């Protein structure tokens, strides 16, 4: 019996490599609201509520009222809409991912 032809699965998307293609700029993933950023110096954050994830490296996140969070690779911090924040790389090749809340939730 002939086997059915299955479409090939798309190759995995390397998020750190995608971000590294435009250092210092937020890059939106195709078909999603998720963004990645290869940090190059201090960077103002996007106004959004959701999860800020450190994919590689380490970053210091400056939050309102003098608060801060140190994110290491694989760690995340919950952002609140309206909070102004900035990110500063602590280690080389630091890549952040912003996963905003779903719209309307």
Protein backbone atom coordinates (compact mmCIF):
# COMPACT_ATOMS: atom_id res chain seq x y z
CA UNK A 1 0.00 0.00 0.00
CA UNK A 2 1.47 3.39 -0.94
CA UNK A 3 2.29 5.73 1.91
CA UNK A 4 0.51 9.04 2.14
CA UNK A 5 2.58 12.07 1.38
CA UNK A 6 2.90 14.27 4.44
CA UNK A 7 3.86 17.88 4.09
CA UNK A 8 7.26 18.62 5.55
CA UNK A 9 7.24 20.32 8.90
CA UNK A 10 8.72 23.82 8.80
CA UNK A 11 12.17 24.16 10.35
CA UNK A 12 12.34 25.48 13.92
CA UNK A 13 12.72 29.22 14.37
CA UNK A 14 15.82 30.19 16.34
CA UNK A 15 14.61 33.19 18.35
CA UNK A 16 18.07 34.37 19.43
CA UNK A 17 19.29 34.30 15.83
CA UNK A 18 16.15 36.13 14.65
CA UNK A 19 16.74 38.89 17.22
CA UNK A 20 20.46 39.07 16.39
CA UNK A 21 19.53 39.95 12.81
CA UNK A 22 18.33 43.38 14.00
CA UNK A 23 20.22 44.20 17.24
CA UNK A 24 18.60 46.93 19.31
CA UNK A 25 15.23 46.59 17.52
CA UNK A 26 12.17 44.60 18.52
CA UNK A 27 11.45 41.91 15.92
CA UNK A 28 7.91 40.52 15.69
CA UNK A 29 7.53 36.78 15.12
CA UNK A 30 5.63 35.96 11.93
CA UNK A 31 1.91 35.61 12.61
CA UNK A 32 2.15 36.46 16.32
CA UNK A 33 2.27 39.39 18.72
CA UNK A 34 5.42 37.94 20.32
CA UNK A 35 8.58 40.04 19.89
CA UNK A 36 12.27 39.39 20.48
CA UNK A 37 15.10 41.85 21.12
CA UNK A 38 18.87 41.46 21.06
CA UNK A 39 19.88 44.04 23.68
CA UNK A 40 22.60 46.49 22.73
CA UNK A 41 22.95 48.93 25.58
CA UNK A 42 20.10 50.41 27.57
CA UNK A 43 16.75 50.13 25.78
CA UNK A 44 13.33 51.60 26.61
CA UNK A 45 10.66 48.94 26.96
CA UNK A 46 7.47 48.62 24.97
CA UNK A 47 4.22 49.65 26.68
CA UNK A 48 2.49 46.29 27.16
CA UNK A 49 1.16 43.93 29.76
CA UNK A 50 2.39 40.37 29.55
CA UNK A 51 5.54 38.35 30.16
CA UNK A 52 9.09 39.55 29.58
CA UNK A 53 11.33 36.50 29.18
CA UNK A 54 15.13 36.40 29.11
CA UNK A 55 16.06 33.84 26.45
CA UNK A 56 19.85 34.19 26.65
CA UNK A 57 22.31 36.19 28.69
CA UNK A 58 21.17 38.34 31.60
CA UNK A 59 19.37 41.68 31.85
CA UNK A 60 18.58 44.28 34.48
CA UNK A 61 15.02 45.57 34.13
CA UNK A 62 14.46 49.06 35.58
CA UNK A 63 10.87 49.45 36.77
CA UNK A 64 8.88 52.42 38.13
CA UNK A 65 9.53 53.84 41.59
CA UNK A 66 13.14 52.64 41.74
CA UNK A 67 12.31 48.93 41.56
CA UNK A 68 14.31 46.56 39.39
CA UNK A 69 14.43 42.88 38.43
CA UNK A 70 17.47 40.90 37.31
CA UNK A 71 16.46 38.35 34.67
CA UNK A 72 18.75 35.44 33.87
CA UNK A 73 18.33 33.04 30.94
CA UNK A 74 15.01 31.18 31.20
CA UNK A 75 13.55 33.60 33.76
CA UNK A 76 10.47 35.78 33.23
CA UNK A 77 8.87 38.88 34.78
CA UNK A 78 5.23 39.94 34.58
CA UNK A 79 4.75 43.44 33.09
CA UNK A 80 1.75 45.65 33.81
CA UNK A 81 0.29 47.99 31.19
CA UNK A 82 1.24 51.56 31.92
CA UNK A 83 4.50 50.71 33.69
CA UNK A 84 7.48 52.34 32.04
CA UNK A 85 10.54 50.10 32.04
CA UNK A 86 14.01 49.90 30.57
CA UNK A 87 16.31 46.95 29.97
CA UNK A 88 20.07 46.90 30.30
CA UNK A 89 22.17 43.89 29.30
CA UNK A 90 24.37 42.49 32.06
CA UNK A 91 25.93 39.79 29.87
CA UNK A 92 26.82 39.75 26.18
CA UNK A 93 24.35 38.24 23.70
CA UNK A 94 21.31 38.98 25.87
CA UNK A 95 18.01 38.34 24.09
CA UNK A 96 14.60 39.21 25.54
CA UNK A 97 11.18 37.99 24.42
CA UNK A 98 7.96 39.92 25.09
CA UNK A 99 4.80 37.83 25.17
CA UNK A 100 1.90 40.30 25.48
CA UNK A 101 -1.45 39.38 26.96
CA UNK A 102 -4.14 38.41 24.49
CA UNK A 103 -6.13 41.38 23.28
CA UNK A 104 -9.47 41.76 24.94
CA UNK A 105 -8.54 39.76 28.06
